[in-house]
Amino acid sequence: GETITCPGATFSGTPFDGIMGLGFEALSSTKQPNPFLNLVQQKLIKDAVFAFKLNPKERRSGGVLSLGGTDPNDYTGQIAWLPVVRPLYW
């Protein structure tokens, strides 16, 4: 989902388009599990992984969000996996 209007001081005066569902629970004002975490907890996706494929030729369209894994057709080489050291922002 796309967020284009957010109440509260955090986003006032700042143009913001956000991706709903990928924020850490520590940032949630309601402390509810986000939609991605719900998918993981309900075992509705294979792996707790999400990936973006951005289209450099199209600034406004042409990207893909993958939930539950990656598509090896979308990249070359090896993925470098790093631990999350502070679960706040990606």
PDB file of N, CA and C in Angstrom:
ATOM      1  N   GLY A   1       0.829  -1.171   0.000  1.00  0.00           N
ATOM      2  CA  GLY A   1       0.000   0.000   0.000  1.00  0.00           C
ATOM      3  C   GLY A   1       0.872   1.231   0.000  1.00  0.00           C
ATOM      4  N   GLU A   2       0.334   2.296  -0.474  1.00  0.00           N
ATOM      5  CA  GLU A   2       1.060   3.559  -0.535  1.00  0.00           C
ATOM      6  C   GLU A   2       0.438   4.549   0.428  1.00  0.00           C
ATOM      7  N   THR A   3       1.265   5.228   1.181  1.00  0.00           N
ATOM      8  CA  THR A   3       0.813   6.262   2.089  1.00  0.00           C
ATOM      9  C   THR A   3       1.139   7.611   1.477  1.00  0.00           C
ATOM     10  N   ILE A   4       0.125   8.445   1.322  1.00  0.00           N
ATOM     11  CA  ILE A   4       0.373   9.784   0.795  1.00  0.00           C
ATOM     12  C   ILE A   4      -0.034  10.872   1.785  1.00  0.00           C
ATOM     13  N   THR A   5      -0.750  10.505   2.854  1.00  0.00           N
ATOM     14  CA  THR A   5      -1.124  11.448   3.900  1.00  0.00           C
ATOM     15  C   THR A   5      -0.920  10.770   5.250  1.00  0.00           C
ATOM     16  N   CYS A   6      -0.167  11.416   6.132  1.00  0.00           N
ATOM     17  CA  CYS A   6       0.093  10.859   7.465  1.00  0.00           C
ATOM     18  C   CYS A   6      -0.172  11.927   8.511  1.00  0.00           C
ATOM     19  N   PRO A   7      -0.975  11.597   9.533  1.00  0.00           N
ATOM     20  CA  PRO A   7      -1.179  12.569  10.603  1.00  0.00           C
ATOM     21  C   PRO A   7       0.024  12.618  11.529  1.00  0.00           C
ATOM     22  N   GLY A   8       0.140  13.690  12.277  1.00  0.00           N
ATOM     23  CA  GLY A   8       1.205  13.784  13.268  1.00  0.00           C
ATOM     24  C   GLY A   8       2.352  14.657  12.816  1.00  0.00           C
ATOM     25  N   ALA A   9       3.164  15.041  13.777  1.00  0.00           N
ATOM     26  CA  ALA A   9       4.256  15.973  13.530  1.00  0.00           C
ATOM     27  C   ALA A   9       5.384  15.375  12.693  1.00  0.00           C
ATOM     28  N   THR A  10       5.565  14.063  12.733  1.00  0.00           N
ATOM     29  CA  THR A  10       6.681  13.441  12.022  1.00  0.00           C
ATOM     30  C   THR A  10       6.677  13.761  10.544  1.00  0.00           C
ATOM     31  N   PHE A  11       5.502  13.782   9.936  1.00  0.00           N
ATOM     32  CA  PHE A  11       5.425  13.944   8.495  1.00  0.00           C
ATOM     33  C   PHE A  11       4.877  15.309   8.071  1.00  0.00           C
ATOM     34  N   SER A  12       4.555  16.195   9.017  1.00  0.00           N
ATOM     35  CA  SER A  12       4.006  17.492   8.640  1.00  0.00           C
ATOM     36  C   SER A  12       5.082  18.327   7.956  1.00  0.00           C
ATOM     37  N   GLY A  13       4.710  18.957   6.877  1.00  0.00           N
ATOM     38  CA  GLY A  13       5.635  19.804   6.140  1.00  0.00           C
ATOM     39  C   GLY A  13       6.652  19.048   5.316  1.00  0.00           C
ATOM     40  N   THR A  14       6.552  17.740   5.252  1.00  0.00           N
ATOM     41  CA  THR A  14       7.498  16.942   4.485  1.00  0.00           C
ATOM     42  C   THR A  14       6.752  16.127   3.449  1.00  0.00           C
ATOM     43  N   PRO A  15       7.056  16.314   2.166  1.00  0.00           N
ATOM     44  CA  PRO A  15       6.429  15.438   1.162  1.00  0.00           C
ATOM     45  C   PRO A  15       6.853  14.006   1.435  1.00  0.00           C
ATOM     46  N   PHE A  16       5.906  13.084   1.439  1.00  0.00           N
ATOM     47  CA  PHE A  16       6.234  11.732   1.841  1.00  0.00           C
ATOM     48  C   PHE A  16       5.388  10.725   1.097  1.00  0.00           C
ATOM     49  N   ASP A  17       6.023   9.778   0.469  1.00  0.00           N
ATOM     50  CA  ASP A  17       5.378   8.578  -0.048  1.00  0.00           C
ATOM     51  C   ASP A  17       6.043   7.433   0.673  1.00  0.00           C
ATOM     52  N   GLY A  18       5.255   6.620   1.349  1.00  0.00           N
ATOM     53  CA  GLY A  18       5.841   5.539   2.129  1.00  0.00           C
ATOM     54  C   GLY A  18       5.329   4.192   1.692  1.00  0.00           C
ATOM     55  N   ILE A  19       6.052   3.164   2.049  1.00  0.00           N
ATOM     56  CA  ILE A  19       5.640   1.808   1.754  1.00  0.00           C
ATOM     57  C   ILE A  19       5.092   1.205   3.026  1.00  0.00           C
ATOM     58  N   MET A  20       3.819   0.932   3.042  1.00  0.00           N
ATOM     59  CA  MET A  20       3.171   0.380   4.209  1.00  0.00           C
ATOM     60  C   MET A  20       3.558  -1.083   4.357  1.00  0.00           C
ATOM     61  N   GLY A  21       3.932  -1.454   5.568  1.00  0.00           N
ATOM     62  CA  GLY A  21       4.135  -2.862   5.832  1.00  0.00           C
ATOM     63  C   GLY A  21       5.549  -3.313   6.027  1.00  0.00           C
ATOM     64  N   LEU A  22       6.527  -2.426   5.910  1.00  0.00           N
ATOM     65  CA  LEU A  22       7.908  -2.858   6.035  1.00  0.00           C
ATOM     66  C   LEU A  22       8.638  -2.204   7.198  1.00  0.00           C
ATOM     67  N   GLY A  23       7.966  -1.371   7.970  1.00  0.00           N
ATOM     68  CA  GLY A  23       8.607  -0.713   9.101  1.00  0.00           C
ATOM     69  C   GLY A  23       8.754  -1.644  10.288  1.00  0.00           C
ATOM     70  N   PHE A  24       9.727  -1.357  11.117  1.00  0.00           N
ATOM     71  CA  PHE A  24       9.931  -2.144  12.325  1.00  0.00           C
ATOM     72  C   PHE A  24       8.888  -1.789  13.372  1.00  0.00           C
ATOM     73  N   GLU A  25       8.527  -2.760  14.203  1.00  0.00           N
ATOM     74  CA  GLU A  25       7.521  -2.565  15.242  1.00  0.00           C
ATOM     75  C   GLU A  25       7.924  -1.456  16.210  1.00  0.00           C
ATOM     76  N   ALA A  26       9.224  -1.274  16.445  1.00  0.00           N
ATOM     77  CA  ALA A  26       9.699  -0.237  17.365  1.00  0.00           C
ATOM     78  C   ALA A  26       9.285   1.157  16.912  1.00  0.00           C
ATOM     79  N   LEU A  27       9.036   1.339  15.627  1.00  0.00           N
ATOM     80  CA  LEU A  27       8.632   2.640  15.098  1.00  0.00           C
ATOM     81  C   LEU A  27       7.119   2.811  15.058  1.00  0.00           C
ATOM     82  N   SER A  28       6.380   1.765  15.340  1.00  0.00           N
ATOM     83  CA  SER A  28       4.930   1.798  15.245  1.00  0.00           C
ATOM     84  C   SER A  28       4.326   2.525  16.440  1.00  0.00           C
ATOM     85  N   SER A  29       3.418   3.458  16.171  1.00  0.00           N
ATOM     86  CA  SER A  29       2.749   4.154  17.274  1.00  0.00           C
ATOM     87  C   SER A  29       1.744   3.239  17.969  1.00  0.00           C
ATOM     88  N   THR A  30       1.239   2.213  17.284  1.00  0.00           N
ATOM     89  CA  THR A  30       0.261   1.289  17.872  1.00  0.00           C
ATOM     90  C   THR A  30       0.893  -0.002  18.355  1.00  0.00           C
ATOM     91  N   LYS A  31       2.191  -0.205  18.049  1.00  0.00           N
ATOM     92  CA  LYS A  31       2.934  -1.422  18.422  1.00  0.00           C
ATOM     93  C   LYS A  31       2.287  -2.699  17.870  1.00  0.00           C
ATOM     94  N   GLN A  32       1.607  -2.566  16.750  1.00  0.00           N
ATOM     95  CA  GLN A  32       1.013  -3.718  16.080  1.00  0.00           C
ATOM     96  C   GLN A  32       2.025  -4.297  15.101  1.00  0.00           C
ATOM     97  N   PRO A  33       2.020  -5.609  14.908  1.00  0.00           N
ATOM     98  CA  PRO A  33       2.902  -6.190  13.887  1.00  0.00           C
ATOM     99  C   PRO A  33       2.532  -5.624  12.515  1.00  0.00           C
ATOM    100  N   ASN A  34       3.557  -5.330  11.732  1.00  0.00           N
ATOM    101  CA  ASN A  34       3.283  -4.790  10.401  1.00  0.00           C
ATOM    102  C   ASN A  34       2.789  -5.900   9.467  1.00  0.00           C
ATOM    103  N   PRO A  35       2.214  -5.540   8.332  1.00  0.00           N
ATOM    104  CA  PRO A  35       1.683  -6.558   7.418  1.00  0.00           C
ATOM    105  C   PRO A  35       2.717  -7.590   6.970  1.00  0.00           C
ATOM    106  N   PHE A  36       3.962  -7.174   6.738  1.00  0.00           N
ATOM    107  CA  PHE A  36       4.983  -8.134   6.324  1.00  0.00           C
ATOM    108  C   PHE A  36       5.251  -9.142   7.434  1.00  0.00           C
ATOM    109  N   LEU A  37       5.391  -8.675   8.670  1.00  0.00           N
ATOM    110  CA  LEU A  37       5.611  -9.576   9.801  1.00  0.00           C
ATOM    111  C   LEU A  37       4.418 -10.517   9.983  1.00  0.00           C
ATOM    112  N   ASN A  38       3.218 -10.023   9.771  1.00  0.00           N
ATOM    113  CA  ASN A  38       2.038 -10.892   9.828  1.00  0.00           C
ATOM    114  C   ASN A  38       2.129 -12.016   8.800  1.00  0.00           C
ATOM    115  N   LEU A  39       2.578 -11.699   7.597  1.00  0.00           N
ATOM    116  CA  LEU A  39       2.746 -12.735   6.564  1.00  0.00           C
ATOM    117  C   LEU A  39       3.739 -13.799   7.020  1.00  0.00           C
ATOM    118  N   VAL A  40       4.836 -13.342   7.642  1.00  0.00           N
ATOM    119  CA  VAL A  40       5.856 -14.273   8.127  1.00  0.00           C
ATOM    120  C   VAL A  40       5.287 -15.141   9.241  1.00  0.00           C
ATOM    121  N   GLN A  41       4.643 -14.516  10.229  1.00  0.00           N
ATOM    122  CA  GLN A  41       4.124 -15.250  11.385  1.00  0.00           C
ATOM    123  C   GLN A  41       3.054 -16.259  10.987  1.00  0.00           C
ATOM    124  N   GLN A  42       2.266 -15.947   9.966  1.00  0.00           N
ATOM    125  CA  GLN A  42       1.216 -16.858   9.511  1.00  0.00           C
ATOM    126  C   GLN A  42       1.723 -17.868   8.491  1.00  0.00           C
ATOM    127  N   LYS A  43       3.031 -17.806   8.204  1.00  0.00           N
ATOM    128  CA  LYS A  43       3.662 -18.718   7.243  1.00  0.00           C
ATOM    129  C   LYS A  43       2.999 -18.643   5.866  1.00  0.00           C
ATOM    130  N   LEU A  44       2.639 -17.419   5.474  1.00  0.00           N
ATOM    131  CA  LEU A  44       2.025 -17.205   4.171  1.00  0.00           C
ATOM    132  C   LEU A  44       3.048 -16.879   3.092  1.00  0.00           C
ATOM    133  N   ILE A  45       4.305 -16.670   3.501  1.00  0.00           N
ATOM    134  CA  ILE A  45       5.396 -16.484   2.548  1.00  0.00           C
ATOM    135  C   ILE A  45       6.512 -17.454   2.919  1.00  0.00           C
ATOM    136  N   LYS A  46       7.290 -17.844   1.912  1.00  0.00           N
ATOM    137  CA  LYS A  46       8.311 -18.876   2.093  1.00  0.00           C
ATOM    138  C   LYS A  46       9.415 -18.443   3.048  1.00  0.00           C
ATOM    139  N   ASP A  47      10.005 -17.289   2.814  1.00  0.00           N
ATOM    140  CA  ASP A  47      11.112 -16.793   3.628  1.00  0.00           C
ATOM    141  C   ASP A  47      10.811 -15.372   4.090  1.00  0.00           C
ATOM    142  N   ALA A  48      11.379 -14.980   5.215  1.00  0.00           N
ATOM    143  CA  ALA A  48      11.202 -13.626   5.747  1.00  0.00           C
ATOM    144  C   ALA A  48      12.152 -12.672   5.023  1.00  0.00           C
ATOM    145  N   VAL A  49      11.922 -12.529   3.730  1.00  0.00           N
ATOM    146  CA  VAL A  49      12.786 -11.732   2.856  1.00  0.00           C
ATOM    147  C   VAL A  49      11.912 -10.891   1.943  1.00  0.00           C
ATOM    148  N   PHE A  50      12.316  -9.654   1.738  1.00  0.00           N
ATOM    149  CA  PHE A  50      11.684  -8.859   0.688  1.00  0.00           C
ATOM    150  C   PHE A  50      12.786  -8.217  -0.142  1.00  0.00           C
ATOM    151  N   ALA A  51      12.465  -7.925  -1.379  1.00  0.00           N
ATOM    152  CA  ALA A  51      13.457  -7.357  -2.289  1.00  0.00           C
ATOM    153  C   ALA A  51      12.779  -6.369  -3.229  1.00  0.00           C
ATOM    154  N   PHE A  52      13.538  -5.362  -3.617  1.00  0.00           N
ATOM    155  CA  PHE A  52      13.071  -4.387  -4.594  1.00  0.00           C
ATOM    156  C   PHE A  52      13.893  -4.517  -5.856  1.00  0.00           C
ATOM    157  N   LYS A  53      13.235  -4.462  -6.982  1.00  0.00           N
ATOM    158  CA  LYS A  53      13.914  -4.321  -8.265  1.00  0.00           C
ATOM    159  C   LYS A  53      13.484  -2.966  -8.794  1.00  0.00           C
ATOM    160  N   LEU A  54      14.438  -2.062  -8.930  1.00  0.00           N
ATOM    161  CA  LEU A  54      14.137  -0.727  -9.406  1.00  0.00           C
ATOM    162  C   LEU A  54      14.499  -0.625 -10.874  1.00  0.00           C
ATOM    163  N   ASN A  55      13.688   0.072 -11.620  1.00  0.00           N
ATOM    164  CA  ASN A  55      13.922   0.255 -13.042  1.00  0.00           C
ATOM    165  C   ASN A  55      14.600   1.602 -13.236  1.00  0.00           C
ATOM    166  N   PRO A  56      15.904   1.615 -13.551  1.00  0.00           N
ATOM    167  CA  PRO A  56      16.613   2.890 -13.669  1.00  0.00           C
ATOM    168  C   PRO A  56      16.142   3.741 -14.844  1.00  0.00           C
ATOM    169  N   LYS A  57      15.459   3.140 -15.803  1.00  0.00           N
ATOM    170  CA  LYS A  57      15.000   3.905 -16.966  1.00  0.00           C
ATOM    171  C   LYS A  57      13.684   4.614 -16.696  1.00  0.00           C
ATOM    172  N   GLU A  58      12.944   4.130 -15.731  1.00  0.00           N
ATOM    173  CA  GLU A  58      11.642   4.703 -15.397  1.00  0.00           C
ATOM    174  C   GLU A  58      11.704   5.233 -13.975  1.00  0.00           C
ATOM    175  N   ARG A  59      11.582   6.533 -13.802  1.00  0.00           N
ATOM    176  CA  ARG A  59      11.659   7.098 -12.456  1.00  0.00           C
ATOM    177  C   ARG A  59      10.367   6.899 -11.677  1.00  0.00           C
ATOM    178  N   ARG A  60       9.242   6.692 -12.349  1.00  0.00           N
ATOM    179  CA  ARG A  60       7.975   6.604 -11.645  1.00  0.00           C
ATOM    180  C   ARG A  60       7.300   5.245 -11.753  1.00  0.00           C
ATOM    181  N   SER A  61       7.775   4.370 -12.590  1.00  0.00           N
ATOM    182  CA  SER A  61       7.128   3.065 -12.726  1.00  0.00           C
ATOM    183  C   SER A  61       8.152   2.034 -13.176  1.00  0.00           C
ATOM    184  N   GLY A  62       7.715   0.804 -13.151  1.00  0.00           N
ATOM    185  CA  GLY A  62       8.577  -0.249 -13.662  1.00  0.00           C
ATOM    186  C   GLY A  62       9.316  -1.041 -12.607  1.00  0.00           C
ATOM    187  N   GLY A  63       9.139  -0.710 -11.327  1.00  0.00           N
ATOM    188  CA  GLY A  63       9.793  -1.458 -10.262  1.00  0.00           C
ATOM    189  C   GLY A  63       8.944  -2.628  -9.805  1.00  0.00           C
ATOM    190  N   VAL A  64       9.571  -3.540  -9.047  1.00  0.00           N
ATOM    191  CA  VAL A  64       8.879  -4.718  -8.540  1.00  0.00           C
ATOM    192  C   VAL A  64       9.267  -4.909  -7.071  1.00  0.00           C
ATOM    193  N   LEU A  65       8.286  -5.236  -6.239  1.00  0.00           N
ATOM    194  CA  LEU A  65       8.520  -5.622  -4.856  1.00  0.00           C
ATOM    195  C   LEU A  65       8.237  -7.110  -4.750  1.00  0.00           C
ATOM    196  N   SER A  66       9.210  -7.871  -4.273  1.00  0.00           N
ATOM    197  CA  SER A  66       9.039  -9.312  -4.078  1.00  0.00           C
ATOM    198  C   SER A  66       8.957  -9.593  -2.588  1.00  0.00           C
ATOM    199  N   LEU A  67       7.963 -10.368  -2.181  1.00  0.00           N
ATOM    200  CA  LEU A  67       7.798 -10.761  -0.785  1.00  0.00           C
ATOM    201  C   LEU A  67       8.018 -12.256  -0.658  1.00  0.00           C
ATOM    202  N   GLY A  68       8.837 -12.667   0.297  1.00  0.00           N
ATOM    203  CA  GLY A  68       9.048 -14.085   0.543  1.00  0.00           C
ATOM    204  C   GLY A  68      10.222 -14.694  -0.179  1.00  0.00           C
ATOM    205  N   GLY A  69      11.013 -13.893  -0.851  1.00  0.00           N
ATOM    206  CA  GLY A  69      12.179 -14.416  -1.559  1.00  0.00           C
ATOM    207  C   GLY A  69      12.646 -13.447  -2.625  1.00  0.00           C
ATOM    208  N   THR A  70      13.604 -13.876  -3.384  1.00  0.00           N
ATOM    209  CA  THR A  70      14.131 -13.070  -4.486  1.00  0.00           C
ATOM    210  C   THR A  70      14.014 -13.861  -5.776  1.00  0.00           C
ATOM    211  N   ASP A  71      14.060 -13.153  -6.890  1.00  0.00           N
ATOM    212  CA  ASP A  71      14.031 -13.788  -8.203  1.00  0.00           C
ATOM    213  C   ASP A  71      15.431 -13.716  -8.794  1.00  0.00           C
ATOM    214  N   PRO A  72      16.123 -14.856  -8.930  1.00  0.00           N
ATOM    215  CA  PRO A  72      17.487 -14.834  -9.450  1.00  0.00           C
ATOM    216  C   PRO A  72      17.607 -14.271 -10.861  1.00  0.00           C
ATOM    217  N   ASN A  73      16.497 -14.135 -11.563  1.00  0.00           N
ATOM    218  CA  ASN A  73      16.527 -13.519 -12.891  1.00  0.00           C
ATOM    219  C   ASN A  73      16.678 -11.999 -12.802  1.00  0.00           C
ATOM    220  N   ASP A  74      16.513 -11.444 -11.600  1.00  0.00           N
ATOM    221  CA  ASP A  74      16.556  -9.997 -11.434  1.00  0.00           C
ATOM    222  C   ASP A  74      17.917  -9.455 -11.008  1.00  0.00           C
ATOM    223  N   TYR A  75      18.916 -10.322 -10.815  1.00  0.00           N
ATOM    224  CA  TYR A  75      20.234  -9.847 -10.400  1.00  0.00           C
ATOM    225  C   TYR A  75      21.303 -10.832 -10.841  1.00  0.00           C
ATOM    226  N   THR A  76      22.539 -10.376 -10.806  1.00  0.00           N
ATOM    227  CA  THR A  76      23.680 -11.246 -11.092  1.00  0.00           C
ATOM    228  C   THR A  76      24.586 -11.257  -9.871  1.00  0.00           C
ATOM    229  N   GLY A  77      25.393 -12.289  -9.737  1.00  0.00           N
ATOM    230  CA  GLY A  77      26.325 -12.383  -8.624  1.00  0.00           C
ATOM    231  C   GLY A  77      25.655 -12.903  -7.369  1.00  0.00           C
ATOM    232  N   GLN A  78      26.354 -12.741  -6.259  1.00  0.00           N
ATOM    233  CA  GLN A  78      25.888 -13.218  -4.961  1.00  0.00           C
ATOM    234  C   GLN A  78      25.289 -12.062  -4.157  1.00  0.00           C
ATOM    235  N   ILE A  79      24.305 -12.373  -3.349  1.00  0.00           N
ATOM    236  CA  ILE A  79      23.740 -11.382  -2.448  1.00  0.00           C
ATOM    237  C   ILE A  79      24.594 -11.346  -1.187  1.00  0.00           C
ATOM    238  N   ALA A  80      24.933 -10.155  -0.716  1.00  0.00           N
ATOM    239  CA  ALA A  80      25.671  -9.990   0.532  1.00  0.00           C
ATOM    240  C   ALA A  80      24.653  -9.789   1.643  1.00  0.00           C
ATOM    241  N   TRP A  81      24.527 -10.776   2.538  1.00  0.00           N
ATOM    242  CA  TRP A  81      23.574 -10.715   3.642  1.00  0.00           C
ATOM    243  C   TRP A  81      24.273 -10.114   4.855  1.00  0.00           C
ATOM    244  N   LEU A  82      23.661  -9.111   5.456  1.00  0.00           N
ATOM    245  CA  LEU A  82      24.212  -8.463   6.638  1.00  0.00           C
ATOM    246  C   LEU A  82      23.155  -8.448   7.731  1.00  0.00           C
ATOM    247  N   PRO A  83      23.570  -8.585   8.989  1.00  0.00           N
ATOM    248  CA  PRO A  83      22.585  -8.579  10.071  1.00  0.00           C
ATOM    249  C   PRO A  83      22.029  -7.177  10.303  1.00  0.00           C
ATOM    250  N   VAL A  84      20.801  -7.121  10.768  1.00  0.00           N
ATOM    251  CA  VAL A  84      20.216  -5.853  11.204  1.00  0.00           C
ATOM    252  C   VAL A  84      20.775  -5.588  12.587  1.00  0.00           C
ATOM    253  N   VAL A  85      21.464  -4.478  12.758  1.00  0.00           N
ATOM    254  CA  VAL A  85      22.109  -4.201  14.046  1.00  0.00           C
ATOM    255  C   VAL A  85      21.232  -3.348  14.967  1.00  0.00           C
ATOM    256  N   ARG A  86      20.273  -2.649  14.403  1.00  0.00           N
ATOM    257  CA  ARG A  86      19.356  -1.837  15.201  1.00  0.00           C
ATOM    258  C   ARG A  86      18.016  -1.808  14.479  1.00  0.00           C
ATOM    259  N   PRO A  87      17.031  -2.538  14.966  1.00  0.00           N
ATOM    260  CA  PRO A  87      15.758  -2.666  14.239  1.00  0.00           C
ATOM    261  C   PRO A  87      14.884  -1.405  14.313  1.00  0.00           C
ATOM    262  N   LEU A  88      15.318  -0.391  13.577  1.00  0.00           N
ATOM    263  CA  LEU A  88      14.536   0.833  13.489  1.00  0.00           C
ATOM    264  C   LEU A  88      14.246   1.170  12.024  1.00  0.00           C
ATOM    265  N   TYR A  89      15.277   1.592  11.308  1.00  0.00           N
ATOM    266  CA  TYR A  89      15.110   1.936   9.902  1.00  0.00           C
ATOM    267  C   TYR A  89      15.933   0.986   9.041  1.00  0.00           C
ATOM    268  N   TRP A  90      15.481   0.719   7.845  1.00  0.00           N
ATOM    269  CA  TRP A  90      16.234  -0.125   6.922  1.00  0.00           C
ATOM    270  C   TRP A  90      17.360   0.685   6.344  1.00  0.00           C
TER     271      TRP A  90
END
